[in-house]
Protein backbone atom coordinates (compact mmCIF):
# COMPACT_ATOMS: atom_id res chain seq x y z
CA MET A 1 54.64 -56.03 20.34
CA ALA A 2 52.54 -54.00 22.78
CA ILE A 3 53.18 -50.42 23.81
CA TYR A 4 52.32 -49.19 27.34
CA ARG A 5 51.55 -45.48 27.77
CA PHE A 6 52.26 -44.25 31.26
CA LYS A 7 51.39 -41.14 32.82
CA VAL A 8 54.14 -39.68 35.23
CA SER A 9 53.43 -36.70 37.53
CA PHE A 10 55.25 -35.50 40.64
CA GLU A 11 53.36 -35.89 43.78
CA ASP A 12 54.11 -32.55 45.20
CA PHE A 13 53.89 -30.59 41.50
CA ASP A 14 50.64 -31.86 39.58
CA GLU A 15 51.05 -29.49 36.93
CA VAL A 16 54.09 -31.14 35.93
CA VAL A 17 53.19 -34.06 33.68
CA ARG A 18 54.96 -36.63 31.34
CA GLU A 19 53.44 -39.41 29.23
CA ILE A 20 55.83 -42.03 27.99
CA ASP A 21 55.49 -44.84 25.52
CA ILE A 22 57.49 -47.88 26.15
CA LYS A 23 57.53 -51.45 24.73
CA SER A 24 55.87 -54.08 27.16
CA ASN A 25 58.90 -56.25 27.10
CA GLN A 26 61.35 -53.32 28.13
CA THR A 27 62.38 -52.98 31.72
CA PHE A 28 61.73 -50.68 34.40
CA GLU A 29 65.31 -49.45 34.32
CA ASP A 30 64.22 -48.29 30.83
CA LEU A 31 61.23 -46.59 32.32
CA HIS A 32 63.21 -44.92 34.90
CA ARG A 33 65.83 -43.54 32.37
CA ALA A 34 63.08 -42.35 30.30
CA ILE A 35 61.41 -40.37 32.88
CA HIS A 36 64.85 -38.59 33.70
CA GLN A 37 65.41 -37.64 29.77
CA SER A 38 62.07 -35.83 30.28
CA THR A 39 62.99 -34.16 33.71
CA GLY A 40 66.52 -33.60 32.98
CA TYR A 41 67.44 -35.38 36.22
CA ASN A 42 70.67 -37.63 36.59
CA PRO A 43 69.33 -41.30 36.25
CA GLU A 44 72.34 -42.56 38.18
CA LYS A 45 70.59 -42.37 41.71
CA SER A 46 69.20 -44.95 43.88
CA SER A 47 65.37 -45.26 43.08
CA SER A 48 62.73 -47.58 43.36
CA PHE A 49 59.24 -48.23 41.79
CA TYR A 50 56.43 -49.80 44.10
CA ILE A 51 53.41 -51.93 42.84
CA SER A 52 50.78 -49.60 44.01
CA THR A 53 46.90 -49.68 45.07
CA ASP A 54 44.51 -47.28 43.66
CA HIS A 55 45.12 -45.16 46.63
CA TRP A 56 49.06 -44.86 46.15
CA ILE A 57 49.80 -47.11 48.79
CA LYS A 58 53.35 -48.87 48.22
CA GLY A 59 53.67 -52.78 47.81
CA ASP A 60 56.43 -54.63 46.46
CA GLU A 61 59.70 -52.78 45.43
CA ILE A 62 61.74 -52.63 41.99
CA ALA A 63 65.08 -51.08 42.94
CA TYR A 64 67.72 -49.36 40.99
CA LEU A 65 71.24 -49.16 42.72
CA PRO A 66 69.68 -50.63 45.93
CA ASN A 67 71.67 -50.46 49.32
CA GLN A 68 72.85 -53.61 50.67
CA ARG A 69 70.07 -54.12 53.14
CA LYS A 70 67.49 -54.12 50.35
CA VAL A 71 70.05 -56.52 48.35
CA ASP A 72 70.00 -59.03 51.17
CA ARG A 73 66.60 -58.93 51.43
CA GLY A 74 66.24 -59.94 47.90
CA VAL A 75 64.70 -56.92 46.23
CA ALA A 76 63.73 -56.90 42.53
CA LEU A 77 66.16 -55.06 40.27
CA MET A 78 64.85 -52.77 37.68
CA GLU A 79 67.45 -54.08 35.00
CA ASN A 80 65.98 -57.77 35.35
CA SER A 81 62.42 -56.67 35.57
CA LYS A 82 59.94 -56.57 32.60
CA LEU A 83 57.08 -54.29 32.70
CA SER A 84 54.73 -56.95 31.57
CA SER A 85 55.54 -59.28 34.38
CA PHE A 86 54.24 -56.64 36.89
CA ILE A 87 50.91 -55.30 34.74
CA GLU A 88 47.91 -56.86 36.39
CA ASP A 89 45.40 -54.07 35.69
CA PRO A 90 44.90 -52.01 32.43
CA HIS A 91 45.29 -49.12 34.80
CA GLN A 92 48.16 -50.41 36.90
CA LYS A 93 49.87 -47.71 39.15
CA PHE A 94 53.34 -47.49 40.46
CA TYR A 95 54.60 -45.18 43.15
CA TYR A 96 57.84 -43.90 42.02
CA ILE A 97 60.94 -42.40 44.31
CA TYR A 98 63.71 -40.95 42.52
CA ASN A 99 67.16 -40.44 44.52
CA PHE A 100 66.60 -41.47 47.96
CA ASP A 101 69.27 -38.95 49.10
CA ARG A 102 67.06 -35.88 47.96
CA PRO A 103 64.03 -37.68 47.16
CA PHE A 104 61.06 -36.72 44.71
CA ASP A 105 57.90 -38.76 44.71
CA PHE A 106 56.11 -39.93 41.30
CA HIS A 107 52.60 -41.29 40.57
CA VAL A 108 53.18 -43.51 37.53
CA GLU A 109 49.89 -44.59 35.96
CA LEU A 110 48.94 -47.00 32.95
CA ILE A 111 46.66 -44.94 30.82
CA LYS A 112 46.55 -46.54 27.45
CA ILE A 113 47.72 -50.02 25.81
CA ILE A 114 48.58 -49.63 22.01
CA LEU A 115 48.54 -53.12 20.54
CA GLN A 116 51.09 -52.48 17.74
CA ALA A 117 54.29 -50.49 17.96
CA ASP A 118 55.12 -47.86 15.59
CA PRO A 119 58.09 -48.90 13.65
CA GLY A 120 59.33 -45.33 12.94
CA VAL A 121 59.42 -44.54 16.83
CA GLN A 122 62.43 -45.57 19.03
CA TYR A 123 61.15 -46.49 22.50
CA PRO A 124 60.77 -45.51 25.11
CA ALA A 125 59.32 -42.30 23.69
CA ILE A 126 58.22 -39.28 25.26
CA PHE A 127 54.69 -38.98 23.91
CA LYS A 128 53.47 -35.52 25.84
CA LYS A 129 55.42 -33.13 28.18
CA ILE A 130 53.77 -30.44 30.39
CA GLY A 131 55.43 -28.22 32.58
CA GLU A 132 58.80 -27.65 33.77
CA ALA A 133 60.42 -30.05 36.15
CA PRO A 134 61.41 -28.45 39.43
CA LYS A 135 65.23 -27.63 40.02
CA ILE A 136 67.36 -29.74 42.17
CA ILE A 137 69.47 -28.28 44.76
CA ASP A 138 72.83 -30.40 44.85
CA LYS A 139 73.78 -30.72 48.29
CA ASN A 140 77.47 -30.53 46.97
CA ASN A 141 76.70 -27.01 46.11
CA PHE A 142 75.48 -25.91 49.66
CA GLY A 143 78.82 -24.13 50.32
CA GLN A 144 77.87 -21.98 47.46
CA VAL A 145 74.92 -20.66 49.09
CA ALA A 146 75.01 -16.87 49.78
CA VAL A 147 75.27 -16.62 53.57
CA SER A 148 74.71 -12.96 55.29
CA SER A 149 78.06 -11.53 56.30
CA ASN A 150 76.13 -10.04 59.34
CA PRO A 151 74.22 -13.18 60.73
CA VAL A 152 71.62 -12.59 63.33
CA SER A 153 73.03 -13.34 66.67
CA SER A 154 71.03 -13.93 69.96
CA ASP A 155 73.61 -12.00 72.05
CA PHE A 156 72.89 -8.56 73.35
CA ASP A 157 73.38 -5.98 71.08
CA PHE A 158 74.70 -3.02 72.95
CA LEU A 159 74.89 -0.54 70.33
CA ASN A 160 71.35 -1.25 68.92
CA GLU A 161 69.82 -1.80 72.31
CA MET A 162 70.97 1.33 73.78
CA ASN A 163 69.81 3.35 70.67
CA PHE A 164 73.46 4.13 69.91
CA VAL A 165 73.74 7.36 67.49
CA PRO A 166 77.21 8.49 65.89
CA GLU A 167 77.43 11.58 68.16
CA ASP A 168 77.77 8.89 71.06
CA THR A 169 81.26 7.97 69.95
CA GLU A 170 83.10 10.19 72.48
CA GLU A 171 81.01 9.04 75.28
CA LEU A 172 81.91 5.38 74.32
CA GLU A 173 85.47 5.98 74.22
CA ALA A 174 85.27 7.68 77.41
CA MET A 175 84.19 4.49 78.81
CA ASP A 176 87.18 2.77 77.34
CA GLY A 177 85.04 0.29 75.57
CA ARG A 178 83.94 -1.40 78.71
CA GLY A 179 80.29 0.16 78.81
CA ILE A 180 78.51 -0.03 82.02
CA SER A 181 78.34 -3.39 84.04
CA ALA A 182 76.21 -4.32 87.07
CA SER A 183 79.40 -5.04 89.09
CA GLN A 184 80.84 -1.60 88.58
CA THR A 185 77.51 0.07 89.72
CA ASP A 186 77.65 -2.15 92.85
CA ASP A 187 81.27 -0.98 93.41
CA ASP A 188 80.29 2.69 92.98
CA GLU A 189 77.54 2.25 95.54
CA HIS A 190 79.76 0.49 97.89
CA SER A 191 82.37 3.33 97.51
CA ASP A 192 79.59 6.15 98.31
CA ASP A 193 78.98 4.07 101.41
CA SER A 194 82.43 3.96 102.30
CA ASP A 195 82.96 7.65 101.72
CA SER A 196 80.00 8.37 103.97
CA ASP A 197 81.29 6.23 106.99
CA GLU A 198 84.69 7.90 106.59
CA PHE A 199 83.48 11.29 106.68
CA SER A 200 81.41 10.33 109.74
CA ASP A 201 84.45 9.25 111.50
CA ASP A 202 85.92 12.60 110.87
CA GLU A 203 82.99 14.35 112.16
CA ASN A 204 83.32 12.41 115.38
CA TYR A 205 87.12 13.13 115.69
CA GLU A 206 86.47 16.87 115.17
CA ASP A 207 83.94 16.97 118.00
CA GLU A 208 86.37 14.89 120.53
CA ALA A 209 89.06 17.57 119.50
CA TYR A 210 86.85 20.52 120.30
CA ASP A 211 86.20 18.94 123.62
CA ASP A 212 89.97 18.65 124.47
CA LYS A 213 90.51 22.46 123.57
CA GLU A 214 87.29 23.49 126.06
CA ASP A 215 89.28 21.64 128.81
CA TYR A 216 91.97 24.02 128.25
């Protein structure tokens, strides 16, 4: 029984590498589970291998826990797909997407074919492990992420914008918490104009009264 040795690397984390030995008659599901035995991720996530070109262009899909649309399309299933049925090249490549909800992309490349299995090894087996797999932030734990108790607001911050200092407290209290508004300023100007008009009327009244005394 031939043994395939696959090099598995994260597309975005080149420094993290796994090499996995697996029997040629084992399935893509076996390889899928072996990968996550080495990463520590939960294998029970919708994922897919794709037959790939040398430039990592995806071709036919082999899926695990596919959605209904893929099932209706007749996608190949990992549990039914033996590795040997999809190996056409001694350096065969597969593009692998783990967990479509929060995906990680991998490059999976056949790097060696061993003609005889080691009877003392249980396959699939992790042959080499380099680097720690990146942590996954579970979307179910988003509510536990610390959030500032004083979030940034786009509203005008009166105290900060006016360079408020503690000594200004009495002045702020004198304003009864209302501050200064444009409408109040307009009212004050209008009030000044009214006072001026009333005073002008009084002056005219006094002139008329003086003239009346002269007549007497």
